[in-house]
Amino acid sequence: MLSHWFSESEISPGAVIEMQKSWTVVQAREEHISQYSKDQGSPGHPPASDATIRLICEQTDGNIESHIRIYKQIPAAGTEAEPAAVRAKQAKPCEPDELITLRALTRKGSRFTPRLLDSKNTTQDDSGFVPGGFVVYVAWEVVAGEQLGTEGGDEDCGFWRMERDKREIVLVSCDVVRLGPGQVPPSPGAGLGWVNE
């Protein structure tokens, strides 16, 4: 997989990610970019832009498969070619909602969500896109089933690829309010999974 913001040494099969445990990349899945303009936000302080990528990994010294998402701060649009000292002024800390939520649910012993397996919060060195900017790794367990939705509500996600009768079962199971043609629910199932029995 070609990436704009992640090097082959970070995401290619066989690459090793060191957190509390060691993880080996099996496959890179999808990359998402949220890049803001240098003019957005308060003057001189745009919101933190980031790129994320989801990887399928295996614990290097074990037999555990995981998903790992890497969050990397990237420069605000229009500042990519500026000197490192300029880009470093954009550096901000980050603790993604995904990490906060998985950590809380895992601590509470949730049986209905993937468990957080590992995480790491670090910063980019002076050669990074945003020197001092965040790099966060979140590893969670692989669960049975097909992911029904994506964060962006992708129309090619699992839910819309299902046969109509199966979609009806999911909707009834989730007790979803029925919407009219062409309407999209406010949260289109990004965290739901389906196990066909």
N, C-alpha and C. Protein backbone atom coordinates (compact mmCIF):
# COMPACT_ATOMS: atom_id res chain seq x y z
N MET A 1 0.85 -1.18 0.00
CA MET A 1 0.00 0.00 0.00
C MET A 1 0.89 1.24 0.00
N LEU A 2 0.61 2.14 -0.91
CA LEU A 2 1.33 3.41 -0.93
C LEU A 2 0.67 4.37 0.05
N SER A 3 1.48 5.09 0.77
CA SER A 3 0.97 6.02 1.77
C SER A 3 1.61 7.38 1.56
N HIS A 4 0.85 8.42 1.85
CA HIS A 4 1.39 9.77 1.77
C HIS A 4 2.19 10.13 3.01
N TRP A 5 1.81 9.59 4.17
CA TRP A 5 2.36 10.07 5.43
C TRP A 5 3.05 9.00 6.27
N PHE A 6 3.04 7.74 5.82
CA PHE A 6 3.68 6.67 6.57
C PHE A 6 4.70 5.99 5.68
N SER A 7 5.91 5.80 6.20
CA SER A 7 6.97 5.20 5.40
C SER A 7 6.77 3.69 5.29
N GLU A 8 7.37 3.11 4.27
CA GLU A 8 7.33 1.65 4.12
C GLU A 8 7.89 0.95 5.35
N SER A 9 8.92 1.54 5.97
CA SER A 9 9.51 0.91 7.15
C SER A 9 8.55 0.88 8.33
N GLU A 10 7.50 1.71 8.29
CA GLU A 10 6.50 1.72 9.35
C GLU A 10 5.35 0.75 9.10
N ILE A 11 4.98 0.57 7.82
CA ILE A 11 3.71 -0.11 7.54
C ILE A 11 3.81 -1.33 6.64
N SER A 12 4.97 -1.65 6.10
CA SER A 12 5.06 -2.78 5.18
C SER A 12 5.05 -4.10 5.95
N PRO A 13 4.57 -5.19 5.33
CA PRO A 13 4.57 -6.48 6.01
C PRO A 13 5.96 -6.83 6.54
N GLY A 14 6.00 -7.27 7.78
CA GLY A 14 7.26 -7.61 8.43
C GLY A 14 7.82 -6.50 9.30
N ALA A 15 7.34 -5.27 9.12
CA ALA A 15 7.79 -4.16 9.98
C ALA A 15 7.38 -4.46 11.42
N VAL A 16 8.21 -4.06 12.36
CA VAL A 16 7.93 -4.32 13.78
C VAL A 16 7.60 -3.01 14.47
N ILE A 17 6.52 -3.02 15.23
CA ILE A 17 6.09 -1.86 16.02
C ILE A 17 6.32 -2.20 17.48
N GLU A 18 7.12 -1.38 18.15
CA GLU A 18 7.43 -1.61 19.56
C GLU A 18 6.53 -0.76 20.44
N MET A 19 5.75 -1.40 21.27
CA MET A 19 4.97 -0.73 22.31
C MET A 19 5.37 -1.42 23.61
N GLN A 20 4.43 -1.68 24.50
CA GLN A 20 4.76 -2.51 25.66
C GLN A 20 5.08 -3.92 25.19
N LYS A 21 4.38 -4.33 24.12
CA LYS A 21 4.64 -5.60 23.46
C LYS A 21 5.18 -5.28 22.07
N SER A 22 5.68 -6.29 21.41
CA SER A 22 6.21 -6.13 20.06
C SER A 22 5.20 -6.70 19.06
N TRP A 23 4.90 -5.94 18.00
CA TRP A 23 3.90 -6.34 17.02
C TRP A 23 4.51 -6.32 15.62
N THR A 24 4.19 -7.32 14.81
CA THR A 24 4.69 -7.41 13.44
C THR A 24 3.54 -7.12 12.47
N VAL A 25 3.79 -6.22 11.54
CA VAL A 25 2.77 -5.85 10.56
C VAL A 25 2.55 -7.00 9.58
N VAL A 26 1.29 -7.36 9.38
CA VAL A 26 0.89 -8.36 8.40
C VAL A 26 0.39 -7.67 7.14
N GLN A 27 -0.43 -6.63 7.33
CA GLN A 27 -1.02 -5.94 6.18
C GLN A 27 -1.44 -4.53 6.58
N ALA A 28 -1.21 -3.58 5.68
CA ALA A 28 -1.73 -2.22 5.85
C ALA A 28 -3.10 -2.18 5.22
N ARG A 29 -4.07 -1.56 5.91
CA ARG A 29 -5.44 -1.53 5.40
C ARG A 29 -5.77 -0.17 4.80
N GLU A 30 -6.30 0.75 5.59
CA GLU A 30 -6.71 2.03 5.02
C GLU A 30 -6.07 3.20 5.75
N GLU A 31 -5.86 4.26 4.98
CA GLU A 31 -5.29 5.49 5.51
C GLU A 31 -6.35 6.59 5.39
N HIS A 32 -6.46 7.41 6.43
CA HIS A 32 -7.37 8.56 6.41
C HIS A 32 -6.56 9.81 6.75
N ILE A 33 -6.86 10.89 6.06
CA ILE A 33 -6.14 12.14 6.29
C ILE A 33 -7.13 13.22 6.69
N SER A 34 -6.84 13.90 7.79
CA SER A 34 -7.62 15.06 8.24
C SER A 34 -6.65 16.23 8.31
N GLN A 35 -6.56 16.97 7.22
CA GLN A 35 -5.59 18.06 7.15
C GLN A 35 -6.32 19.39 7.07
N TYR A 36 -6.04 20.24 8.03
CA TYR A 36 -6.67 21.55 8.11
C TYR A 36 -5.78 22.60 7.47
N SER A 37 -6.37 23.71 7.09
CA SER A 37 -5.63 24.83 6.53
C SER A 37 -4.93 25.59 7.64
N LYS A 38 -3.82 26.22 7.30
CA LYS A 38 -3.11 27.03 8.29
C LYS A 38 -3.95 28.21 8.75
N ASP A 39 -5.02 28.54 8.00
CA ASP A 39 -5.88 29.67 8.35
C ASP A 39 -7.08 29.26 9.21
N GLN A 40 -7.27 27.97 9.44
CA GLN A 40 -8.39 27.52 10.27
C GLN A 40 -8.02 27.63 11.74
N GLY A 41 -9.02 27.71 12.59
CA GLY A 41 -8.78 27.81 14.02
C GLY A 41 -8.40 29.23 14.41
N SER A 42 -7.83 29.38 15.59
CA SER A 42 -7.42 30.71 16.03
C SER A 42 -6.17 31.14 15.26
N PRO A 43 -5.95 32.45 15.08
CA PRO A 43 -4.83 32.93 14.27
C PRO A 43 -3.49 32.32 14.70
N GLY A 44 -2.81 31.72 13.72
CA GLY A 44 -1.51 31.13 13.98
C GLY A 44 -1.55 29.79 14.69
N HIS A 45 -2.74 29.31 15.03
CA HIS A 45 -2.87 28.03 15.75
C HIS A 45 -3.97 27.18 15.13
N PRO A 46 -3.70 26.59 13.96
CA PRO A 46 -4.72 25.74 13.34
C PRO A 46 -4.95 24.49 14.19
N PRO A 47 -6.11 23.84 14.03
CA PRO A 47 -6.32 22.57 14.73
C PRO A 47 -5.25 21.57 14.28
N ALA A 48 -4.94 20.60 15.10
CA ALA A 48 -3.94 19.60 14.73
C ALA A 48 -4.47 18.75 13.57
N SER A 49 -3.69 18.68 12.52
CA SER A 49 -3.99 17.81 11.39
C SER A 49 -3.37 16.45 11.67
N ASP A 50 -4.01 15.39 11.17
CA ASP A 50 -3.39 14.08 11.37
C ASP A 50 -3.70 13.14 10.22
N ALA A 51 -2.87 12.12 10.13
CA ALA A 51 -3.10 11.01 9.22
C ALA A 51 -3.18 9.77 10.10
N THR A 52 -4.11 8.88 9.77
CA THR A 52 -4.21 7.62 10.50
C THR A 52 -4.13 6.48 9.50
N ILE A 53 -3.64 5.36 9.98
CA ILE A 53 -3.62 4.15 9.16
C ILE A 53 -3.95 2.98 10.06
N ARG A 54 -4.73 2.04 9.52
CA ARG A 54 -5.06 0.83 10.27
C ARG A 54 -4.27 -0.33 9.69
N LEU A 55 -3.64 -1.08 10.58
CA LEU A 55 -2.82 -2.22 10.19
C LEU A 55 -3.37 -3.49 10.81
N ILE A 56 -3.17 -4.61 10.14
CA ILE A 56 -3.41 -5.92 10.73
C ILE A 56 -2.03 -6.39 11.19
N CYS A 57 -1.92 -6.79 12.46
CA CYS A 57 -0.63 -7.17 13.03
C CYS A 57 -0.75 -8.45 13.84
N GLU A 58 0.39 -9.04 14.15
CA GLU A 58 0.47 -10.19 15.05
C GLU A 58 1.48 -9.86 16.13
N GLN A 59 1.19 -10.31 17.34
CA GLN A 59 2.16 -10.13 18.41
C GLN A 59 3.40 -10.93 18.04
N THR A 60 4.56 -10.30 18.07
CA THR A 60 5.79 -10.91 17.59
C THR A 60 6.15 -12.16 18.37
N ASP A 61 5.98 -12.13 19.67
CA ASP A 61 6.36 -13.29 20.49
C ASP A 61 5.14 -14.08 20.98
N GLY A 62 4.05 -13.96 20.28
CA GLY A 62 2.84 -14.68 20.68
C GLY A 62 2.02 -15.04 19.47
N ASN A 63 0.80 -15.41 19.72
CA ASN A 63 -0.08 -15.85 18.65
C ASN A 63 -1.32 -14.98 18.59
N ILE A 64 -1.20 -13.73 19.00
CA ILE A 64 -2.35 -12.84 19.09
C ILE A 64 -2.39 -11.93 17.86
N GLU A 65 -3.55 -11.91 17.20
CA GLU A 65 -3.74 -11.01 16.06
C GLU A 65 -4.40 -9.73 16.57
N SER A 66 -4.02 -8.60 15.97
CA SER A 66 -4.60 -7.33 16.41
C SER A 66 -4.76 -6.38 15.24
N HIS A 67 -5.58 -5.37 15.49
CA HIS A 67 -5.63 -4.19 14.62
C HIS A 67 -4.77 -3.15 15.34
N ILE A 68 -3.98 -2.42 14.60
CA ILE A 68 -3.26 -1.28 15.18
C ILE A 68 -3.56 -0.07 14.32
N ARG A 69 -3.98 1.00 14.98
CA ARG A 69 -4.16 2.27 14.28
C ARG A 69 -3.04 3.20 14.75
N ILE A 70 -2.39 3.83 13.78
CA ILE A 70 -1.37 4.82 14.09
C ILE A 70 -1.95 6.19 13.76
N TYR A 71 -1.88 7.09 14.73
CA TYR A 71 -2.27 8.49 14.54
C TYR A 71 -0.98 9.30 14.47
N LYS A 72 -0.78 10.03 13.38
CA LYS A 72 0.43 10.84 13.23
C LYS A 72 0.04 12.27 12.89
N GLN A 73 0.57 13.22 13.67
CA GLN A 73 0.31 14.63 13.35
C GLN A 73 1.04 14.98 12.07
N ILE A 74 0.34 15.70 11.19
CA ILE A 74 0.93 16.15 9.93
C ILE A 74 0.80 17.67 9.86
N PRO A 75 1.59 18.33 9.02
CA PRO A 75 1.53 19.80 8.96
C PRO A 75 0.19 20.30 8.44
N ALA A 76 -0.19 21.48 8.87
CA ALA A 76 -1.37 22.14 8.33
C ALA A 76 -1.16 22.36 6.84
N ALA A 77 -2.24 22.26 6.07
CA ALA A 77 -2.15 22.47 4.63
C ALA A 77 -1.55 23.85 4.34
N GLY A 78 -0.60 23.87 3.44
CA GLY A 78 0.06 25.12 3.10
C GLY A 78 1.36 25.34 3.86
N THR A 79 1.67 24.45 4.82
CA THR A 79 2.93 24.60 5.57
C THR A 79 3.86 23.41 5.38
N GLU A 80 3.50 22.48 4.51
CA GLU A 80 4.30 21.26 4.34
C GLU A 80 5.75 21.55 3.96
N ALA A 81 5.98 22.59 3.16
CA ALA A 81 7.33 22.91 2.69
C ALA A 81 8.06 23.92 3.57
N GLU A 82 7.42 24.36 4.63
CA GLU A 82 8.06 25.32 5.54
C GLU A 82 9.18 24.63 6.32
N PRO A 83 10.14 25.41 6.84
CA PRO A 83 11.22 24.82 7.63
C PRO A 83 10.68 24.07 8.85
N ALA A 84 11.46 23.11 9.31
CA ALA A 84 11.06 22.29 10.46
C ALA A 84 10.69 23.14 11.67
N ALA A 85 11.40 24.24 11.88
CA ALA A 85 11.12 25.11 13.04
C ALA A 85 9.71 25.70 12.96
N VAL A 86 9.25 25.99 11.75
CA VAL A 86 7.89 26.52 11.57
C VAL A 86 6.87 25.42 11.82
N ARG A 87 7.11 24.23 11.26
CA ARG A 87 6.18 23.12 11.45
C ARG A 87 6.14 22.66 12.91
N ALA A 88 7.27 22.78 13.61
CA ALA A 88 7.33 22.35 15.01
C ALA A 88 6.40 23.18 15.90
N LYS A 89 6.11 24.41 15.49
CA LYS A 89 5.20 25.26 16.29
C LYS A 89 3.78 24.72 16.30
N GLN A 90 3.47 23.81 15.39
CA GLN A 90 2.13 23.21 15.34
C GLN A 90 1.99 22.00 16.27
N ALA A 91 3.09 21.53 16.85
CA ALA A 91 3.07 20.30 17.66
C ALA A 91 2.09 20.41 18.82
N LYS A 92 1.29 19.38 18.96
CA LYS A 92 0.31 19.33 20.05
C LYS A 92 0.26 17.90 20.58
N PRO A 93 -0.12 17.75 21.85
CA PRO A 93 -0.34 16.40 22.38
C PRO A 93 -1.68 15.86 21.86
N CYS A 94 -1.85 14.56 21.91
CA CYS A 94 -3.10 13.97 21.45
C CYS A 94 -3.35 12.66 22.19
N GLU A 95 -4.58 12.48 22.64
CA GLU A 95 -5.04 11.18 23.14
C GLU A 95 -6.36 10.92 22.42
N PRO A 96 -6.32 10.10 21.37
CA PRO A 96 -7.51 9.90 20.54
C PRO A 96 -8.69 9.34 21.33
N ASP A 97 -9.89 9.75 20.93
CA ASP A 97 -11.11 9.24 21.57
C ASP A 97 -11.16 7.72 21.52
N GLU A 98 -10.68 7.14 20.43
CA GLU A 98 -10.67 5.68 20.29
C GLU A 98 -9.88 5.04 21.43
N LEU A 99 -8.71 5.60 21.75
CA LEU A 99 -7.88 5.06 22.82
C LEU A 99 -8.56 5.24 24.17
N ILE A 100 -9.10 6.41 24.42
CA ILE A 100 -9.77 6.69 25.70
C ILE A 100 -10.93 5.71 25.90
N THR A 101 -11.73 5.52 24.85
CA THR A 101 -12.90 4.66 24.93
C THR A 101 -12.51 3.20 25.11
N LEU A 102 -11.59 2.70 24.28
CA LEU A 102 -11.17 1.31 24.41
C LEU A 102 -10.55 1.04 25.78
N ARG A 103 -9.76 1.98 26.27
CA ARG A 103 -9.14 1.81 27.59
C ARG A 103 -10.22 1.69 28.67
N ALA A 104 -11.20 2.60 28.64
CA ALA A 104 -12.26 2.59 29.65
C ALA A 104 -13.10 1.32 29.57
N LEU A 105 -13.48 0.92 28.37
CA LEU A 105 -14.31 -0.27 28.22
C LEU A 105 -13.56 -1.54 28.60
N THR A 106 -12.27 -1.60 28.29
CA THR A 106 -11.47 -2.76 28.67
C THR A 106 -11.32 -2.83 30.18
N ARG A 107 -11.06 -1.71 30.83
CA ARG A 107 -10.94 -1.68 32.29
C ARG A 107 -12.23 -2.11 32.97
N LYS A 108 -13.37 -1.76 32.37
CA LYS A 108 -14.67 -2.10 32.95
C LYS A 108 -15.10 -3.52 32.58
N GLY A 109 -14.29 -4.22 31.80
CA GLY A 109 -14.58 -5.61 31.46
C GLY A 109 -15.70 -5.79 30.44
N SER A 110 -15.86 -4.84 29.53
CA SER A 110 -16.91 -4.95 28.51
C SER A 110 -16.76 -6.25 27.73
N ARG A 111 -17.88 -6.94 27.57
CA ARG A 111 -17.90 -8.17 26.78
C ARG A 111 -18.39 -7.93 25.36
N PHE A 112 -18.73 -6.68 25.03
CA PHE A 112 -19.37 -6.39 23.76
C PHE A 112 -18.51 -5.53 22.84
N THR A 113 -17.31 -5.23 23.25
CA THR A 113 -16.42 -4.40 22.44
C THR A 113 -15.04 -5.05 22.40
N PRO A 114 -14.24 -4.75 21.38
CA PRO A 114 -12.87 -5.29 21.35
C PRO A 114 -12.08 -4.79 22.56
N ARG A 115 -11.17 -5.62 23.05
CA ARG A 115 -10.31 -5.23 24.17
C ARG A 115 -9.10 -4.46 23.66
N LEU A 116 -8.70 -3.45 24.42
CA LEU A 116 -7.45 -2.75 24.15
C LEU A 116 -6.31 -3.69 24.53
N LEU A 117 -5.40 -3.93 23.61
CA LEU A 117 -4.29 -4.84 23.86
C LEU A 117 -3.00 -4.12 24.20
N ASP A 118 -2.83 -2.92 23.66
CA ASP A 118 -1.56 -2.21 23.84
C ASP A 118 -1.74 -0.78 23.31
N SER A 119 -0.89 0.12 23.76
CA SER A 119 -0.91 1.48 23.22
C SER A 119 0.42 2.16 23.52
N LYS A 120 0.68 3.21 22.78
CA LYS A 120 1.91 3.98 22.98
C LYS A 120 1.66 5.40 22.49
N ASN A 121 2.09 6.37 23.26
CA ASN A 121 1.97 7.78 22.89
C ASN A 121 3.38 8.36 22.89
N THR A 122 3.83 8.83 21.74
CA THR A 122 5.19 9.35 21.61
C THR A 122 5.16 10.59 20.72
N THR A 123 6.33 11.15 20.44
CA THR A 123 6.42 12.34 19.60
C THR A 123 7.40 12.12 18.46
N GLN A 124 7.25 12.90 17.41
CA GLN A 124 8.13 12.84 16.25
C GLN A 124 9.47 13.50 16.58
N ASP A 125 10.53 12.97 16.01
CA ASP A 125 11.84 13.59 16.22
C ASP A 125 11.99 14.78 15.27
N ASP A 126 13.17 15.36 15.24
CA ASP A 126 13.41 16.57 14.45
C ASP A 126 13.25 16.36 12.94
N SER A 127 13.30 15.10 12.49
CA SER A 127 13.13 14.82 11.06
C SER A 127 11.67 14.54 10.70
N GLY A 128 10.78 14.58 11.69
CA GLY A 128 9.37 14.27 11.45
C GLY A 128 8.66 15.36 10.67
N PHE A 129 7.45 15.05 10.22
CA PHE A 129 6.64 16.04 9.50
C PHE A 129 6.34 17.24 10.38
N VAL A 130 6.06 16.97 11.67
CA VAL A 130 5.85 18.03 12.67
C VAL A 130 6.76 17.68 13.85
N PRO A 131 7.98 18.22 13.89
CA PRO A 131 8.88 17.89 14.99
C PRO A 131 8.21 18.15 16.35
N GLY A 132 8.20 17.13 17.20
CA GLY A 132 7.53 17.23 18.49
C GLY A 132 6.05 16.90 18.42
N GLY A 133 5.52 16.69 17.20
CA GLY A 133 4.11 16.35 17.02
C GLY A 133 3.83 14.92 17.46
N PHE A 134 2.57 14.63 17.71
CA PHE A 134 2.19 13.34 18.27
C PHE A 134 2.29 12.19 17.26
N VAL A 135 2.59 11.02 17.81
CA VAL A 135 2.43 9.73 17.13
C VAL A 135 1.84 8.81 18.19
N VAL A 136 0.64 8.32 17.94
CA VAL A 136 -0.06 7.47 18.90
C VAL A 136 -0.38 6.14 18.24
N TYR A 137 -0.11 5.06 18.96
CA TYR A 137 -0.40 3.71 18.48
C TYR A 137 -1.48 3.11 19.37
N VAL A 138 -2.50 2.51 18.77
CA VAL A 138 -3.59 1.87 19.51
C VAL A 138 -3.77 0.46 18.94
N ALA A 139 -3.62 -0.56 19.79
CA ALA A 139 -3.79 -1.95 19.36
C ALA A 139 -5.01 -2.54 20.07
N TRP A 140 -5.90 -3.13 19.29
CA TRP A 140 -7.08 -3.77 19.88
C TRP A 140 -7.28 -5.14 19.24
N GLU A 141 -8.01 -6.00 19.96
CA GLU A 141 -8.17 -7.37 19.50
C GLU A 141 -9.05 -7.46 18.26
N VAL A 142 -8.78 -8.46 17.47
CA VAL A 142 -9.61 -8.77 16.31
C VAL A 142 -10.80 -9.57 16.83
N VAL A 143 -11.99 -9.17 16.45
CA VAL A 143 -13.19 -9.90 16.87
C VAL A 143 -13.85 -10.52 15.64
N ALA A 144 -14.65 -11.56 15.88
CA ALA A 144 -15.32 -12.26 14.79
C ALA A 144 -16.33 -11.35 14.12
N GLY A 145 -16.55 -11.59 12.86
CA GLY A 145 -17.59 -10.86 12.15
C GLY A 145 -17.02 -9.85 11.17
N GLU A 146 -17.93 -9.19 10.49
CA GLU A 146 -17.58 -8.18 9.50
C GLU A 146 -17.96 -6.82 10.04
N GLN A 147 -17.05 -5.85 9.90
CA GLN A 147 -17.34 -4.49 10.34
C GLN A 147 -18.46 -3.94 9.46
N LEU A 148 -19.49 -3.41 10.12
CA LEU A 148 -20.66 -2.93 9.38
C LEU A 148 -20.51 -1.52 8.86
N GLY A 149 -19.68 -0.72 9.47
CA GLY A 149 -19.57 0.67 9.04
C GLY A 149 -18.18 1.20 9.22
N THR A 150 -17.98 2.40 8.69
CA THR A 150 -16.72 3.09 8.86
C THR A 150 -17.01 4.45 9.45
N GLU A 151 -15.98 5.08 9.97
CA GLU A 151 -16.14 6.38 10.61
C GLU A 151 -16.78 7.40 9.67
N GLY A 152 -16.44 7.33 8.40
CA GLY A 152 -16.98 8.29 7.44
C GLY A 152 -18.30 7.87 6.82
N GLY A 153 -18.85 6.72 7.25
CA GLY A 153 -20.12 6.27 6.69
C GLY A 153 -20.00 5.79 5.25
N ASP A 154 -18.88 5.19 4.90
CA ASP A 154 -18.60 4.70 3.57
C ASP A 154 -19.75 3.84 3.04
N GLU A 155 -20.25 4.16 1.86
CA GLU A 155 -21.36 3.41 1.29
C GLU A 155 -20.95 2.02 0.82
N ASP A 156 -19.64 1.75 0.76
CA ASP A 156 -19.16 0.43 0.35
C ASP A 156 -18.82 -0.43 1.56
N CYS A 157 -19.28 -0.03 2.73
CA CYS A 157 -18.97 -0.77 3.95
C CYS A 157 -19.82 -2.03 4.03
N GLY A 158 -19.57 -2.85 5.02
CA GLY A 158 -20.23 -4.14 5.18
C GLY A 158 -21.74 -4.08 5.18
N PHE A 159 -22.31 -3.10 5.85
CA PHE A 159 -23.77 -3.02 5.96
C PHE A 159 -24.42 -2.92 4.58
N TRP A 160 -23.91 -2.05 3.74
CA TRP A 160 -24.55 -1.83 2.44
C TRP A 160 -24.24 -2.93 1.45
N ARG A 161 -23.25 -3.75 1.71
CA ARG A 161 -22.95 -4.90 0.84
C ARG A 161 -23.81 -6.11 1.20
N MET A 162 -24.46 -6.07 2.35
CA MET A 162 -25.29 -7.20 2.79
C MET A 162 -26.57 -7.27 1.96
N GLU A 163 -27.15 -8.48 1.90
CA GLU A 163 -28.45 -8.63 1.26
C GLU A 163 -29.48 -7.89 2.09
N ARG A 164 -30.54 -7.45 1.42
CA ARG A 164 -31.56 -6.63 2.08
C ARG A 164 -32.14 -7.31 3.33
N ASP A 165 -32.42 -8.61 3.27
CA ASP A 165 -33.01 -9.29 4.43
C ASP A 165 -32.05 -9.30 5.62
N LYS A 166 -30.75 -9.40 5.36
CA LYS A 166 -29.76 -9.37 6.44
C LYS A 166 -29.67 -7.96 7.05
N ARG A 167 -29.75 -6.93 6.19
CA ARG A 167 -29.76 -5.55 6.71
C ARG A 167 -30.96 -5.33 7.62
N GLU A 168 -32.11 -5.90 7.23
CA GLU A 168 -33.32 -5.78 8.06
C GLU A 168 -33.09 -6.41 9.43
N ILE A 169 -32.44 -7.56 9.46
CA ILE A 169 -32.16 -8.24 10.74
C ILE A 169 -31.28 -7.35 11.62
N VAL A 170 -30.26 -6.74 11.01
CA VAL A 170 -29.38 -5.85 11.77
C VAL A 170 -30.17 -4.67 12.32
N LEU A 171 -30.99 -4.05 11.48
CA LEU A 171 -31.76 -2.89 11.92
C LEU A 171 -32.71 -3.25 13.05
N VAL A 172 -33.40 -4.37 12.93
CA VAL A 172 -34.32 -4.80 13.99
C VAL A 172 -33.53 -5.11 15.26
N SER A 173 -32.39 -5.79 15.10
CA SER A 173 -31.56 -6.14 16.27
C SER A 173 -31.08 -4.91 17.01
N CYS A 174 -30.78 -3.86 16.27
CA CYS A 174 -30.27 -2.64 16.88
C CYS A 174 -31.39 -1.68 17.26
N ASP A 175 -32.63 -2.03 16.91
CA ASP A 175 -33.79 -1.19 17.22
C ASP A 175 -33.57 0.23 16.70
N VAL A 176 -33.18 0.32 15.44
CA VAL A 176 -32.89 1.60 14.81
C VAL A 176 -34.18 2.26 14.33
N VAL A 177 -34.28 3.55 14.52
CA VAL A 177 -35.40 4.32 14.00
C VAL A 177 -35.33 4.28 12.48
N ARG A 178 -36.45 4.02 11.84
CA ARG A 178 -36.48 3.94 10.37
C ARG A 178 -36.38 5.34 9.77
N LEU A 179 -35.55 5.44 8.76
CA LEU A 179 -35.37 6.71 8.06
C LEU A 179 -35.95 6.61 6.67
N GLY A 180 -36.25 7.74 6.07
CA GLY A 180 -36.78 7.76 4.72
C GLY A 180 -35.70 7.48 3.69
N PRO A 181 -36.09 7.27 2.43
CA PRO A 181 -35.11 7.00 1.37
C PRO A 181 -34.07 8.12 1.27
N GLY A 182 -32.83 7.73 1.16
CA GLY A 182 -31.75 8.70 1.01
C GLY A 182 -31.27 9.32 2.30
N GLN A 183 -31.94 9.05 3.42
CA GLN A 183 -31.50 9.60 4.70
C GLN A 183 -30.48 8.66 5.33
N VAL A 184 -29.53 9.24 6.02
CA VAL A 184 -28.48 8.48 6.67
C VAL A 184 -28.57 8.71 8.16
N PRO A 185 -28.44 7.64 8.97
CA PRO A 185 -28.47 7.85 10.42
C PRO A 185 -27.28 8.67 10.86
N PRO A 186 -27.39 9.41 11.98
CA PRO A 186 -26.30 10.28 12.42
C PRO A 186 -25.01 9.52 12.70
N SER A 187 -25.07 8.28 13.11
CA SER A 187 -23.89 7.46 13.36
C SER A 187 -24.11 6.12 12.66
N PRO A 188 -23.66 5.98 11.41
CA PRO A 188 -24.04 4.84 10.60
C PRO A 188 -23.32 3.54 10.93
N GLY A 189 -23.22 3.17 12.20
CA GLY A 189 -22.73 1.85 12.56
C GLY A 189 -21.24 1.65 12.48
N ALA A 190 -20.46 2.68 12.73
CA ALA A 190 -19.00 2.57 12.60
C ALA A 190 -18.42 1.51 13.53
N GLY A 191 -19.03 1.29 14.67
CA GLY A 191 -18.46 0.34 15.62
C GLY A 191 -19.19 -0.98 15.69
N LEU A 192 -20.11 -1.23 14.77
CA LEU A 192 -20.89 -2.46 14.82
C LEU A 192 -20.23 -3.55 14.00
N GLY A 193 -20.48 -4.79 14.40
CA GLY A 193 -19.98 -5.94 13.65
C GLY A 193 -21.10 -6.94 13.45
N TRP A 194 -20.95 -7.81 12.47
CA TRP A 194 -21.98 -8.78 12.13
C TRP A 194 -21.34 -10.15 12.02
N VAL A 195 -21.90 -11.13 12.72
CA VAL A 195 -21.48 -12.52 12.60
C VAL A 195 -22.66 -13.27 12.01
N ASN A 196 -22.53 -13.74 10.78
CA ASN A 196 -23.61 -14.44 10.11
C ASN A 196 -23.70 -15.86 10.66
N GLU A 197 -24.82 -16.20 11.26
CA GLU A 197 -24.97 -17.54 11.86
C GLU A 197 -25.83 -18.42 11.02
